[in-house]
PDB file of N, CA and C in Angstrom:
ATOM      1  N   MET A   1      38.293  65.275   6.635  1.00  0.00           N
ATOM      2  CA  MET A   1      39.687  65.725   6.469  1.00  0.00           C
ATOM      3  C   MET A   1      40.561  64.743   7.040  1.00  0.00           C
ATOM      4  N   HIS A   2      40.105  63.737   7.777  1.00  0.00           N
ATOM      5  CA  HIS A   2      40.908  62.692   8.435  1.00  0.00           C
ATOM      6  C   HIS A   2      41.638  61.819   7.334  1.00  0.00           C
ATOM      7  N   ASP A   3      40.913  61.572   6.231  1.00  0.00           N
ATOM      8  CA  ASP A   3      41.517  60.666   5.261  1.00  0.00           C
ATOM      9  C   ASP A   3      42.601  61.285   4.427  1.00  0.00           C
ATOM     10  N   ILE A   4      42.428  62.658   4.277  1.00  0.00           N
ATOM     11  CA  ILE A   4      43.569  63.413   3.522  1.00  0.00           C
ATOM     12  C   ILE A   4      44.826  63.371   4.177  1.00  0.00           C
ATOM     13  N   THR A   5      44.945  63.299   5.567  1.00  0.00           N
ATOM     14  CA  THR A   5      46.118  63.265   6.160  1.00  0.00           C
ATOM     15  C   THR A   5      46.880  62.068   5.861  1.00  0.00           C
ATOM     16  N   VAL A   6      46.361  60.919   5.716  1.00  0.00           N
ATOM     17  CA  VAL A   6      46.999  59.629   5.328  1.00  0.00           C
ATOM     18  C   VAL A   6      47.424  59.907   3.856  1.00  0.00           C
ATOM     19  N   ALA A   7      46.702  60.363   2.986  1.00  0.00           N
ATOM     20  CA  ALA A   7      47.006  60.623   1.623  1.00  0.00           C
ATOM     21  C   ALA A   7      48.126  61.594   1.617  1.00  0.00           C
ATOM     22  N   GLN A   8      48.267  62.583   2.373  1.00  0.00           N
ATOM     23  CA  GLN A   8      49.280  63.607   2.367  1.00  0.00           C
ATOM     24  C   GLN A   8      50.631  63.026   2.784  1.00  0.00           C
ATOM     25  N   SER A   9      50.558  62.170   3.764  1.00  0.00           N
ATOM     26  CA  SER A   9      51.789  61.482   4.194  1.00  0.00           C
ATOM     27  C   SER A   9      52.402  60.580   3.130  1.00  0.00           C
ATOM     28  N   VAL A  10      51.488  59.721   2.566  1.00  0.00           N
ATOM     29  CA  VAL A  10      52.071  58.948   1.421  1.00  0.00           C
ATOM     30  C   VAL A  10      52.515  59.669   0.286  1.00  0.00           C
ATOM     31  N   ALA A  11      51.804  60.724  -0.157  1.00  0.00           N
ATOM     32  CA  ALA A  11      52.092  61.636  -1.278  1.00  0.00           C
ATOM     33  C   ALA A  11      53.455  62.346  -1.068  1.00  0.00           C
ATOM     34  N   GLU A  12      53.590  62.826   0.178  1.00  0.00           N
ATOM     35  CA  GLU A  12      54.911  63.518   0.504  1.00  0.00           C
ATOM     36  C   GLU A  12      56.098  62.500   0.390  1.00  0.00           C
ATOM     37  N   GLU A  13      55.876  61.266   0.775  1.00  0.00           N
ATOM     38  CA  GLU A  13      56.945  60.179   0.628  1.00  0.00           C
ATOM     39  C   GLU A  13      57.314  60.056  -0.773  1.00  0.00           C
ATOM     40  N   ILE A  14      56.164  59.827  -1.636  1.00  0.00           N
ATOM     41  CA  ILE A  14      56.496  59.600  -3.071  1.00  0.00           C
ATOM     42  C   ILE A  14      57.183  60.835  -3.741  1.00  0.00           C
ATOM     43  N   ILE A  15      56.560  61.993  -3.379  1.00  0.00           N
ATOM     44  CA  ILE A  15      57.126  63.233  -4.034  1.00  0.00           C
ATOM     45  C   ILE A  15      58.696  63.370  -3.646  1.00  0.00           C
ATOM     46  N   GLU A  16      58.949  63.038  -2.486  1.00  0.00           N
ATOM     47  CA  GLU A  16      60.456  63.192  -2.038  1.00  0.00           C
ATOM     48  C   GLU A  16      61.319  62.237  -2.861  1.00  0.00           C
ATOM     49  N   LYS A  17      60.775  60.985  -2.946  1.00  0.00           N
ATOM     50  CA  LYS A  17      61.568  60.086  -3.717  1.00  0.00           C
ATOM     51  C   LYS A  17      61.748  60.270  -5.179  1.00  0.00           C
ATOM     52  N   LEU A  18      60.665  61.089  -5.724  1.00  0.00           N
ATOM     53  CA  LEU A  18      60.724  61.315  -7.240  1.00  0.00           C
ATOM     54  C   LEU A  18      61.146  62.734  -7.478  1.00  0.00           C
ATOM     55  N   ARG A  19      61.783  63.438  -6.660  1.00  0.00           N
ATOM     56  CA  ARG A  19      62.081  64.805  -6.680  1.00  0.00           C
ATOM     57  C   ARG A  19      62.911  65.011  -8.055  1.00  0.00           C
ATOM     58  N   GLY A  20      62.462  65.965  -8.926  1.00  0.00           N
ATOM     59  CA  GLY A  20      63.236  66.188 -10.084  1.00  0.00           C
ATOM     60  C   GLY A  20      62.728  65.322 -11.361  1.00  0.00           C
ATOM     61  N   LYS A  21      61.914  64.382 -11.077  1.00  0.00           N
ATOM     62  CA  LYS A  21      61.441  63.508 -12.151  1.00  0.00           C
ATOM     63  C   LYS A  21      60.028  63.787 -12.544  1.00  0.00           C
ATOM     64  N   ARG A  22      59.564  63.317 -13.788  1.00  0.00           N
ATOM     65  CA  ARG A  22      58.244  63.616 -14.309  1.00  0.00           C
ATOM     66  C   ARG A  22      57.674  62.293 -14.613  1.00  0.00           C
ATOM     67  N   PRO A  23      57.037  61.560 -13.620  1.00  0.00           N
ATOM     68  CA  PRO A  23      56.463  60.242 -13.801  1.00  0.00           C
ATOM     69  C   PRO A  23      55.243  60.461 -14.771  1.00  0.00           C
ATOM     70  N   LYS A  24      55.005  59.321 -15.551  1.00  0.00           N
ATOM     71  CA  LYS A  24      53.679  59.182 -16.328  1.00  0.00           C
ATOM     72  C   LYS A  24      52.650  58.507 -15.614  1.00  0.00           C
ATOM     73  N   SER A  25      53.032  57.678 -14.782  1.00  0.00           N
ATOM     74  CA  SER A  25      51.965  56.830 -13.967  1.00  0.00           C
ATOM     75  C   SER A  25      52.702  56.478 -12.606  1.00  0.00           C
ATOM     76  N   ILE A  26      51.792  56.485 -11.624  1.00  0.00           N
ATOM     77  CA  ILE A  26      52.118  55.914 -10.248  1.00  0.00           C
ATOM     78  C   ILE A  26      51.046  54.920  -9.795  1.00  0.00           C
ATOM     79  N   THR A  27      51.507  53.821  -9.273  1.00  0.00           N
ATOM     80  CA  THR A  27      50.578  52.892  -8.697  1.00  0.00           C
ATOM     81  C   THR A  27      50.921  52.727  -7.292  1.00  0.00           C
ATOM     82  N   VAL A  28      50.004  52.776  -6.350  1.00  0.00           N
ATOM     83  CA  VAL A  28      50.365  52.630  -4.921  1.00  0.00           C
ATOM     84  C   VAL A  28      49.461  51.488  -4.400  1.00  0.00           C
ATOM     85  N   GLU A  29      50.136  50.571  -3.809  1.00  0.00           N
ATOM     86  CA  GLU A  29      49.450  49.463  -2.953  1.00  0.00           C
ATOM     87  C   GLU A  29      49.695  49.741  -1.481  1.00  0.00           C
ATOM     88  N   MET A  30      48.618  49.821  -0.659  1.00  0.00           N
ATOM     89  CA  MET A  30      48.921  49.992   0.750  1.00  0.00           C
ATOM     90  C   MET A  30      47.717  49.400   1.496  1.00  0.00           C
ATOM     91  N   ASP A  31      47.934  49.181   2.771  1.00  0.00           N
ATOM     92  CA  ASP A  31      46.924  48.754   3.781  1.00  0.00           C
ATOM     93  C   ASP A  31      46.780  49.819   4.870  1.00  0.00           C
ATOM     94  N   VAL A  32      45.540  50.018   5.447  1.00  0.00           N
ATOM     95  CA  VAL A  32      45.346  50.769   6.646  1.00  0.00           C
ATOM     96  C   VAL A  32      44.713  49.985   7.683  1.00  0.00           C
ATOM     97  N   GLY A  33      45.021  50.235   8.980  1.00  0.00           N
ATOM     98  CA  GLY A  33      44.325  49.337   9.805  1.00  0.00           C
ATOM     99  C   GLY A  33      42.918  49.763  10.118  1.00  0.00           C
ATOM    100  N   ALA A  34      42.104  48.846  10.453  1.00  0.00           N
ATOM    101  CA  ALA A  34      40.678  49.082  10.757  1.00  0.00           C
ATOM    102  C   ALA A  34      40.446  50.042  11.870  1.00  0.00           C
ATOM    103  N   LEU A  35      41.320  50.043  12.709  1.00  0.00           N
ATOM    104  CA  LEU A  35      41.200  50.921  13.946  1.00  0.00           C
ATOM    105  C   LEU A  35      41.505  52.308  13.752  1.00  0.00           C
ATOM    106  N   ARG A  36      41.882  52.672  12.475  1.00  0.00           N
ATOM    107  CA  ARG A  36      42.166  54.051  12.112  1.00  0.00           C
ATOM    108  C   ARG A  36      40.927  54.654  11.472  1.00  0.00           C
ATOM    109  N   PHE A  37      39.937  53.806  11.171  1.00  0.00           N
ATOM    110  CA  PHE A  37      38.693  54.234  10.682  1.00  0.00           C
ATOM    111  C   PHE A  37      38.698  55.154   9.453  1.00  0.00           C
ATOM    112  N   HIS A  38      39.519  54.705   8.490  1.00  0.00           N
ATOM    113  CA  HIS A  38      39.731  55.544   7.184  1.00  0.00           C
ATOM    114  C   HIS A  38      38.736  54.982   6.179  1.00  0.00           C
ATOM    115  N   ASP A  39      38.278  55.881   5.234  1.00  0.00           N
ATOM    116  CA  ASP A  39      37.531  55.492   4.156  1.00  0.00           C
ATOM    117  C   ASP A  39      38.518  55.445   3.030  1.00  0.00           C
ATOM    118  N   THR A  40      38.747  54.169   2.670  1.00  0.00           N
ATOM    119  CA  THR A  40      39.780  53.796   1.702  1.00  0.00           C
ATOM    120  C   THR A  40      39.562  54.505   0.240  1.00  0.00           C
ATOM    121  N   THR A  41      38.298  54.647   0.069  1.00  0.00           N
ATOM    122  CA  THR A  41      37.903  55.308  -1.209  1.00  0.00           C
ATOM    123  C   THR A  41      38.407  56.785  -1.213  1.00  0.00           C
ATOM    124  N   GLN A  42      38.217  57.463  -0.024  1.00  0.00           N
ATOM    125  CA  GLN A  42      38.613  58.861   0.078  1.00  0.00           C
ATOM    126  C   GLN A  42      40.113  58.967   0.184  1.00  0.00           C
ATOM    127  N   VAL A  43      40.854  58.057   0.777  1.00  0.00           N
ATOM    128  CA  VAL A  43      42.251  58.118   0.903  1.00  0.00           C
ATOM    129  C   VAL A  43      42.844  58.018  -0.639  1.00  0.00           C
ATOM    130  N   GLY A  44      42.239  57.074  -1.395  1.00  0.00           N
ATOM    131  CA  GLY A  44      42.752  56.962  -2.759  1.00  0.00           C
ATOM    132  C   GLY A  44      42.453  58.259  -3.623  1.00  0.00           C
ATOM    133  N   PHE A  45      41.268  58.809  -3.419  1.00  0.00           N
ATOM    134  CA  PHE A  45      40.859  59.967  -4.124  1.00  0.00           C
ATOM    135  C   PHE A  45      41.884  61.155  -3.875  1.00  0.00           C
ATOM    136  N   TRP A  46      42.195  61.386  -2.528  1.00  0.00           N
ATOM    137  CA  TRP A  46      43.076  62.425  -2.100  1.00  0.00           C
ATOM    138  C   TRP A  46      44.571  62.167  -2.633  1.00  0.00           C
ATOM    139  N   LEU A  47      44.865  60.901  -2.556  1.00  0.00           N
ATOM    140  CA  LEU A  47      46.193  60.537  -3.048  1.00  0.00           C
ATOM    141  C   LEU A  47      46.418  60.944  -4.407  1.00  0.00           C
ATOM    142  N   LYS A  48      45.465  60.570  -5.243  1.00  0.00           N
ATOM    143  CA  LYS A  48      45.425  60.931  -6.684  1.00  0.00           C
ATOM    144  C   LYS A  48      45.481  62.409  -6.917  1.00  0.00           C
ATOM    145  N   GLU A  49      44.658  63.195  -6.236  1.00  0.00           N
ATOM    146  CA  GLU A  49      44.645  64.626  -6.371  1.00  0.00           C
ATOM    147  C   GLU A  49      45.959  65.289  -5.899  1.00  0.00           C
ATOM    148  N   LEU A  50      46.503  64.756  -4.837  1.00  0.00           N
ATOM    149  CA  LEU A  50      47.840  65.448  -4.437  1.00  0.00           C
ATOM    150  C   LEU A  50      48.969  65.087  -5.269  1.00  0.00           C
ATOM    151  N   LEU A  51      49.070  63.831  -5.845  1.00  0.00           N
ATOM    152  CA  LEU A  51      50.135  63.550  -6.813  1.00  0.00           C
ATOM    153  C   LEU A  51      49.885  64.236  -8.102  1.00  0.00           C
ATOM    154  N   ARG A  52      48.597  64.385  -8.600  1.00  0.00           N
ATOM    155  CA  ARG A  52      48.538  65.183  -9.887  1.00  0.00           C
ATOM    156  C   ARG A  52      48.749  66.629  -9.663  1.00  0.00           C
ATOM    157  N   LYS A  53      48.468  67.150  -8.487  1.00  0.00           N
ATOM    158  CA  LYS A  53      48.825  68.664  -8.199  1.00  0.00           C
ATOM    159  C   LYS A  53      50.400  68.798  -8.234  1.00  0.00           C
ATOM    160  N   GLU A  54      51.176  67.814  -7.862  1.00  0.00           N
ATOM    161  CA  GLU A  54      52.601  67.898  -7.878  1.00  0.00           C
ATOM    162  C   GLU A  54      53.064  67.548  -9.194  1.00  0.00           C
ATOM    163  N   PHE A  55      52.630  66.579 -10.013  1.00  0.00           N
ATOM    164  CA  PHE A  55      53.322  66.059 -11.154  1.00  0.00           C
ATOM    165  C   PHE A  55      52.456  66.316 -12.419  1.00  0.00           C
ATOM    166  N   GLY A  56      51.341  66.932 -12.333  1.00  0.00           N
ATOM    167  CA  GLY A  56      50.608  67.374 -13.488  1.00  0.00           C
ATOM    168  C   GLY A  56      49.273  66.529 -13.679  1.00  0.00           C
ATOM    169  N   LYS A  57      48.286  67.235 -14.254  1.00  0.00           N
ATOM    170  CA  LYS A  57      46.984  66.566 -14.448  1.00  0.00           C
ATOM    171  C   LYS A  57      46.925  65.358 -15.321  1.00  0.00           C
ATOM    172  N   LYS A  58      47.928  65.193 -16.139  1.00  0.00           N
ATOM    173  CA  LYS A  58      48.066  64.017 -17.067  1.00  0.00           C
ATOM    174  C   LYS A  58      48.604  62.792 -16.338  1.00  0.00           C
ATOM    175  N   LEU A  59      49.039  62.860 -15.132  1.00  0.00           N
ATOM    176  CA  LEU A  59      49.532  61.610 -14.454  1.00  0.00           C
ATOM    177  C   LEU A  59      48.417  60.745 -14.226  1.00  0.00           C
ATOM    178  N   ARG A  60      48.767  59.408 -14.543  1.00  0.00           N
ATOM    179  CA  ARG A  60      47.778  58.381 -14.193  1.00  0.00           C
ATOM    180  C   ARG A  60      48.243  57.789 -12.821  1.00  0.00           C
ATOM    181  N   VAL A  61      47.201  57.816 -11.998  1.00  0.00           N
ATOM    182  CA  VAL A  61      47.408  57.351 -10.657  1.00  0.00           C
ATOM    183  C   VAL A  61      46.361  56.230 -10.302  1.00  0.00           C
ATOM    184  N   SER A  62      46.915  55.143  -9.818  1.00  0.00           N
ATOM    185  CA  SER A  62      46.010  54.123  -9.339  1.00  0.00           C
ATOM    186  C   SER A  62      46.377  53.659  -7.970  1.00  0.00           C
ATOM    187  N   SER A  63      45.447  53.275  -7.254  1.00  0.00           N
ATOM    188  CA  SER A  63      45.732  52.764  -5.884  1.00  0.00           C
ATOM    189  C   SER A  63      44.916  51.486  -5.489  1.00  0.00           C
ATOM    190  N   LYS A  64      45.522  50.667  -4.721  1.00  0.00           N
ATOM    191  CA  LYS A  64      44.840  49.489  -4.241  1.00  0.00           C
ATOM    192  C   LYS A  64      44.995  49.768  -2.648  1.00  0.00           C
ATOM    193  N   ILE A  65      44.006  49.991  -2.017  1.00  0.00           N
ATOM    194  CA  ILE A  65      44.164  50.157  -0.505  1.00  0.00           C
ATOM    195  C   ILE A  65      43.181  49.228   0.223  1.00  0.00           C
ATOM    196  N   GLY A  66      43.924  48.263   1.027  1.00  0.00           N
ATOM    197  CA  GLY A  66      43.239  47.337   1.766  1.00  0.00           C
ATOM    198  C   GLY A  66      43.056  47.713   3.184  1.00  0.00           C
ATOM    199  N   VAL A  67      42.338  47.000   3.972  1.00  0.00           N
ATOM    200  CA  VAL A  67      42.071  47.196   5.369  1.00  0.00           C
ATOM    201  C   VAL A  67      42.662  45.951   6.168  1.00  0.00           C
ATOM    202  N   LEU A  68      43.438  46.311   7.223  1.00  0.00           N
ATOM    203  CA  LEU A  68      43.935  45.280   8.099  1.00  0.00           C
ATOM    204  C   LEU A  68      43.017  45.208   9.261  1.00  0.00           C
ATOM    205  N   GLU A  69      42.549  44.019   9.536  1.00  0.00           N
ATOM    206  CA  GLU A  69      41.586  43.804  10.607  1.00  0.00           C
ATOM    207  C   GLU A  69      42.202  43.961  11.935  1.00  0.00           C
ATOM    208  N   ALA A  70      41.504  44.253  12.946  1.00  0.00           N
ATOM    209  CA  ALA A  70      41.985  44.451  14.282  1.00  0.00           C
ATOM    210  C   ALA A  70      42.316  42.933  14.800  1.00  0.00           C
ATOM    211  N   LYS A  71      43.449  42.853  15.467  1.00  0.00           N
ATOM    212  CA  LYS A  71      43.806  41.596  16.040  1.00  0.00           C
ATOM    213  C   LYS A  71      44.528  41.843  17.454  1.00  0.00           C
ATOM    214  N   ILE A  72      44.252  40.929  18.367  1.00  0.00           N
ATOM    215  CA  ILE A  72      44.714  41.217  19.717  1.00  0.00           C
ATOM    216  C   ILE A  72      45.483  39.932  20.227  1.00  0.00           C
ATOM    217  N   ARG A  73      46.327  40.034  21.187  1.00  0.00           N
ATOM    218  CA  ARG A  73      46.878  39.106  22.033  1.00  0.00           C
ATOM    219  C   ARG A  73      46.306  39.314  23.455  1.00  0.00           C
ATOM    220  N   CYS A  74      45.630  38.282  24.026  1.00  0.00           N
ATOM    221  CA  CYS A  74      45.064  38.464  25.301  1.00  0.00           C
ATOM    222  C   CYS A  74      45.637  37.574  26.337  1.00  0.00           C
ATOM    223  N   GLU A  75      45.640  37.979  27.649  1.00  0.00           N
ATOM    224  CA  GLU A  75      46.120  37.259  28.714  1.00  0.00           C
ATOM    225  C   GLU A  75      45.665  35.727  28.795  1.00  0.00           C
ATOM    226  N   CYS A  76      44.393  35.524  28.215  1.00  0.00           N
ATOM    227  CA  CYS A  76      43.805  34.231  28.315  1.00  0.00           C
ATOM    228  C   CYS A  76      44.467  33.273  27.381  1.00  0.00           C
ATOM    229  N   GLY A  77      45.301  33.769  26.433  1.00  0.00           N
ATOM    230  CA  GLY A  77      45.886  33.016  25.456  1.00  0.00           C
ATOM    231  C   GLY A  77      45.293  33.131  24.054  1.00  0.00           C
ATOM    232  N   TYR A  78      44.275  33.959  23.894  1.00  0.00           N
ATOM    233  CA  TYR A  78      43.624  34.097  22.596  1.00  0.00           C
ATOM    234  C   TYR A  78      44.408  35.052  21.794  1.00  0.00           C
ATOM    235  N   GLU A  79      44.810  34.747  20.541  1.00  0.00           N
ATOM    236  CA  GLU A  79      45.428  35.613  19.555  1.00  0.00           C
ATOM    237  C   GLU A  79      44.573  35.424  18.364  1.00  0.00           C
ATOM    238  N   GLY A  80      44.097  36.589  17.850  1.00  0.00           N
ATOM    239  CA  GLY A  80      43.226  36.701  16.670  1.00  0.00           C
ATOM    240  C   GLY A  80      42.423  37.934  16.456  1.00  0.00           C
ATOM    241  N   PRO A  81      41.528  37.854  15.556  1.00  0.00           N
ATOM    242  CA  PRO A  81      40.772  39.000  15.271  1.00  0.00           C
ATOM    243  C   PRO A  81      39.724  39.389  16.290  1.00  0.00           C
ATOM    244  N   VAL A  82      39.344  40.635  16.239  1.00  0.00           N
ATOM    245  CA  VAL A  82      38.202  41.155  17.087  1.00  0.00           C
ATOM    246  C   VAL A  82      37.154  41.755  16.206  1.00  0.00           C
ATOM    247  N   GLU A  83      36.042  41.214  16.323  1.00  0.00           N
ATOM    248  CA  GLU A  83      34.961  41.584  15.416  1.00  0.00           C
ATOM    249  C   GLU A  83      34.093  42.862  16.063  1.00  0.00           C
ATOM    250  N   ASP A  84      33.895  42.879  17.373  1.00  0.00           N
ATOM    251  CA  ASP A  84      33.023  43.828  18.000  1.00  0.00           C
ATOM    252  C   ASP A  84      33.788  44.974  18.576  1.00  0.00           C
ATOM    253  N   ILE A  85      33.929  46.000  17.738  1.00  0.00           N
ATOM    254  CA  ILE A  85      34.650  47.174  18.128  1.00  0.00           C
ATOM    255  C   ILE A  85      33.704  48.344  18.356  1.00  0.00           C
ATOM    256  N   GLN A  86      33.608  48.811  19.618  1.00  0.00           N
ATOM    257  CA  GLN A  86      32.616  49.894  19.936  1.00  0.00           C
ATOM    258  C   GLN A  86      33.402  51.263  19.970  1.00  0.00           C
ATOM    259  N   THR A  87      32.684  52.190  19.394  1.00  0.00           N
ATOM    260  CA  THR A  87      33.140  53.549  19.292  1.00  0.00           C
ATOM    261  C   THR A  87      32.010  54.601  19.134  1.00  0.00           C
ATOM    262  N   ASP A  88      32.283  55.740  19.614  1.00  0.00           N
ATOM    263  CA  ASP A  88      31.341  56.773  19.351  1.00  0.00           C
ATOM    264  C   ASP A  88      31.780  57.405  17.944  1.00  0.00           C
ATOM    265  N   HIS A  89      30.841  57.642  17.150  1.00  0.00           N
ATOM    266  CA  HIS A  89      31.163  58.111  15.829  1.00  0.00           C
ATOM    267  C   HIS A  89      32.072  59.283  15.780  1.00  0.00           C
ATOM    268  N   GLU A  90      31.690  60.225  16.752  1.00  0.00           N
ATOM    269  CA  GLU A  90      32.612  61.459  16.826  1.00  0.00           C
ATOM    270  C   GLU A  90      34.000  61.240  17.342  1.00  0.00           C
ATOM    271  N   LEU A  91      34.244  60.217  18.018  1.00  0.00           N
ATOM    272  CA  LEU A  91      35.524  59.936  18.666  1.00  0.00           C
ATOM    273  C   LEU A  91      36.403  58.965  17.948  1.00  0.00           C
ATOM    274  N   MET A  92      35.840  58.179  16.838  1.00  0.00           N
ATOM    275  CA  MET A  92      36.475  57.184  16.244  1.00  0.00           C
ATOM    276  C   MET A  92      37.795  57.680  15.536  1.00  0.00           C
ATOM    277  N   HIS A  93      37.740  58.781  14.936  1.00  0.00           N
ATOM    278  CA  HIS A  93      39.051  59.341  14.325  1.00  0.00           C
ATOM    279  C   HIS A  93      40.062  59.920  15.329  1.00  0.00           C
ATOM    280  N   GLN A  94      39.752  59.946  16.549  1.00  0.00           N
ATOM    281  CA  GLN A  94      40.719  60.048  17.693  1.00  0.00           C
ATOM    282  C   GLN A  94      41.333  58.888  18.194  1.00  0.00           C
ATOM    283  N   GLY A  95      41.063  57.679  17.581  1.00  0.00           N
ATOM    284  CA  GLY A  95      41.578  56.500  18.132  1.00  0.00           C
ATOM    285  C   GLY A  95      40.825  56.047  19.302  1.00  0.00           C
ATOM    286  N   ILE A  96      39.793  56.479  19.740  1.00  0.00           N
ATOM    287  CA  ILE A  96      39.050  56.137  20.944  1.00  0.00           C
ATOM    288  C   ILE A  96      37.959  55.108  20.572  1.00  0.00           C
ATOM    289  N   TYR A  97      38.228  53.884  21.107  1.00  0.00           N
ATOM    290  CA  TYR A  97      37.318  52.755  20.947  1.00  0.00           C
ATOM    291  C   TYR A  97      37.516  51.810  22.079  1.00  0.00           C
ATOM    292  N   THR A  98      36.568  50.779  22.210  1.00  0.00           N
ATOM    293  CA  THR A  98      36.675  49.791  23.127  1.00  0.00           C
ATOM    294  C   THR A  98      36.468  48.411  22.365  1.00  0.00           C
ATOM    295  N   MET A  99      37.171  47.447  22.819  1.00  0.00           N
ATOM    296  CA  MET A  99      36.794  46.130  22.238  1.00  0.00           C
ATOM    297  C   MET A  99      37.193  45.177  23.359  1.00  0.00           C
ATOM    298  N   LYS A 100      36.649  43.985  23.263  1.00  0.00           N
ATOM    299  CA  LYS A 100      36.911  42.892  24.186  1.00  0.00           C
ATOM    300  C   LYS A 100      37.367  41.639  23.520  1.00  0.00           C
ATOM    301  N   CYS A 101      38.140  40.900  24.241  1.00  0.00           N
ATOM    302  CA  CYS A 101      38.525  39.525  23.785  1.00  0.00           C
ATOM    303  C   CYS A 101      37.347  38.714  23.510  1.00  0.00           C
ATOM    304  N   PRO A 102      37.253  38.153  22.248  1.00  0.00           N
ATOM    305  CA  PRO A 102      36.028  37.350  21.916  1.00  0.00           C
ATOM    306  C   PRO A 102      36.019  35.990  22.784  1.00  0.00           C
ATOM    307  N   LYS A 103      37.137  35.726  23.403  1.00  0.00           N
ATOM    308  CA  LYS A 103      37.151  34.396  24.078  1.00  0.00           C
ATOM    309  C   LYS A 103      36.805  34.485  25.529  1.00  0.00           C
ATOM    310  N   CYS A 104      37.301  35.599  26.195  1.00  0.00           N
ATOM    311  CA  CYS A 104      37.207  35.659  27.685  1.00  0.00           C
ATOM    312  C   CYS A 104      36.377  36.943  28.042  1.00  0.00           C
ATOM    313  N   GLY A 105      36.231  37.961  27.127  1.00  0.00           N
ATOM    314  CA  GLY A 105      35.567  39.154  27.452  1.00  0.00           C
ATOM    315  C   GLY A 105      36.367  40.194  28.107  1.00  0.00           C
ATOM    316  N   SER A 106      37.748  39.909  28.381  1.00  0.00           N
ATOM    317  CA  SER A 106      38.596  40.920  28.897  1.00  0.00           C
ATOM    318  C   SER A 106      38.905  42.023  27.962  1.00  0.00           C
ATOM    319  N   GLU A 107      39.116  43.236  28.600  1.00  0.00           N
ATOM    320  CA  GLU A 107      39.531  44.407  27.899  1.00  0.00           C
ATOM    321  C   GLU A 107      41.040  44.637  28.121  1.00  0.00           C
ATOM    322  N   ASP A 108      41.772  43.610  28.839  1.00  0.00           N
ATOM    323  CA  ASP A 108      43.251  43.808  28.986  1.00  0.00           C
ATOM    324  C   ASP A 108      44.011  42.953  28.012  1.00  0.00           C
ATOM    325  N   TYR A 109      44.352  43.541  26.875  1.00  0.00           N
ATOM    326  CA  TYR A 109      45.046  42.803  25.780  1.00  0.00           C
ATOM    327  C   TYR A 109      46.028  43.663  25.208  1.00  0.00           C
ATOM    328  N   GLU A 110      46.864  43.094  24.320  1.00  0.00           N
ATOM    329  CA  GLU A 110      47.874  43.618  23.601  1.00  0.00           C
ATOM    330  C   GLU A 110      47.344  43.812  22.091  1.00  0.00           C
ATOM    331  N   LEU A 111      47.390  45.026  21.492  1.00  0.00           N
ATOM    332  CA  LEU A 111      46.977  45.202  20.212  1.00  0.00           C
ATOM    333  C   LEU A 111      48.111  44.614  19.248  1.00  0.00           C
ATOM    334  N   ALA A 112      47.680  43.583  18.503  1.00  0.00           N
ATOM    335  CA  ALA A 112      48.812  43.064  17.511  1.00  0.00           C
ATOM    336  C   ALA A 112      48.636  43.640  16.071  1.00  0.00           C
ATOM    337  N   GLN A 113      47.533  44.094  15.739  1.00  0.00           N
ATOM    338  CA  GLN A 113      47.365  44.643  14.424  1.00  0.00           C
ATOM    339  C   GLN A 113      46.130  45.407  14.253  1.00  0.00           C
ATOM    340  N   GLY A 114      46.069  46.455  13.471  1.00  0.00           N
ATOM    341  CA  GLY A 114      44.873  47.155  13.190  1.00  0.00           C
ATOM    342  C   GLY A 114      44.968  48.594  13.332  1.00  0.00           C
ATOM    343  N   ASN A 115      46.115  49.137  13.758  1.00  0.00           N
ATOM    344  CA  ASN A 115      46.319  50.606  13.976  1.00  0.00           C
ATOM    345  C   ASN A 115      47.347  51.086  13.101  1.00  0.00           C
ATOM    346  N   GLU A 116      47.943  50.404  12.065  1.00  0.00           N
ATOM    347  CA  GLU A 116      49.024  50.755  11.320  1.00  0.00           C
ATOM    348  C   GLU A 116      48.519  51.227   9.955  1.00  0.00           C
ATOM    349  N   ILE A 117      49.547  51.857   9.252  1.00  0.00           N
ATOM    350  CA  ILE A 117      49.481  52.082   7.922  1.00  0.00           C
ATOM    351  C   ILE A 117      50.644  51.474   7.303  1.00  0.00           C
ATOM    352  N   VAL A 118      50.541  50.582   6.216  1.00  0.00           N
ATOM    353  CA  VAL A 118      51.490  49.861   5.628  1.00  0.00           C
ATOM    354  C   VAL A 118      51.610  50.175   3.996  1.00  0.00           C
ATOM    355  N   LEU A 119      52.674  50.841   3.664  1.00  0.00           N
ATOM    356  CA  LEU A 119      52.898  51.082   2.295  1.00  0.00           C
ATOM    357  C   LEU A 119      53.678  49.930   1.728  1.00  0.00           C
ATOM    358  N   LYS A 120      52.881  49.164   0.916  1.00  0.00           N
ATOM    359  CA  LYS A 120      53.423  47.882   0.491  1.00  0.00           C
ATOM    360  C   LYS A 120      54.270  48.009  -0.903  1.00  0.00           C
ATOM    361  N   LYS A 121      53.744  48.796  -1.788  1.00  0.00           N
ATOM    362  CA  LYS A 121      54.427  48.796  -3.118  1.00  0.00           C
ATOM    363  C   LYS A 121      54.129  50.236  -3.825  1.00  0.00           C
ATOM    364  N   ILE A 122      54.994  50.690  -4.444  1.00  0.00           N
ATOM    365  CA  ILE A 122      54.884  51.778  -5.349  1.00  0.00           C
ATOM    366  C   ILE A 122      55.507  51.522  -6.677  1.00  0.00           C
ATOM    367  N   ASN A 123      54.782  51.618  -7.695  1.00  0.00           N
ATOM    368  CA  ASN A 123      55.419  51.422  -8.984  1.00  0.00           C
ATOM    369  C   ASN A 123      55.250  52.660  -9.892  1.00  0.00           C
ATOM    370  N   VAL A 124      56.308  53.110 -10.436  1.00  0.00           N
ATOM    371  CA  VAL A 124      56.463  54.413 -11.125  1.00  0.00           C
ATOM    372  C   VAL A 124      56.844  54.132 -12.583  1.00  0.00           C
ATOM    373  N   THR A 125      56.151  54.789 -13.580  1.00  0.00           N
ATOM    374  CA  THR A 125      56.486  54.684 -14.981  1.00  0.00           C
ATOM    375  C   THR A 125      56.932  55.999 -15.354  1.00  0.00           C
ATOM    376  N   GLU A 126      58.090  56.154 -15.821  1.00  0.00           N
ATOM    377  CA  GLU A 126      58.650  57.501 -16.265  1.00  0.00           C
ATOM    378  C   GLU A 126      58.481  57.625 -17.830  1.00  0.00           C
TER     379      GLU A 126
END
């Protein structure tokens, strides 16, 4: 159910922008942060289903969904990606995780990237 909520948010935005129109195809390009722990295949599936429900089963929907890696800014001066993200599988969709600076091992950092959803491009053919 976690992945459908992202798809619903994106679909609602598209539906609002296209109110009263009957598109033939919609292409969506977006990125989701790694720390959101989404299955990009499932997000794409649900996006397609929701848009087809609104605009009809003949609508062609394609999506390109990338993942933004987790990046931090640490007090030690390190700025960059974090590879070792620890989470309990049951808690990961609640945004509960731990990670350490790969340079100094500190858990006192500022998150620079990895928890956002970025809608990059929407192409519509009417």
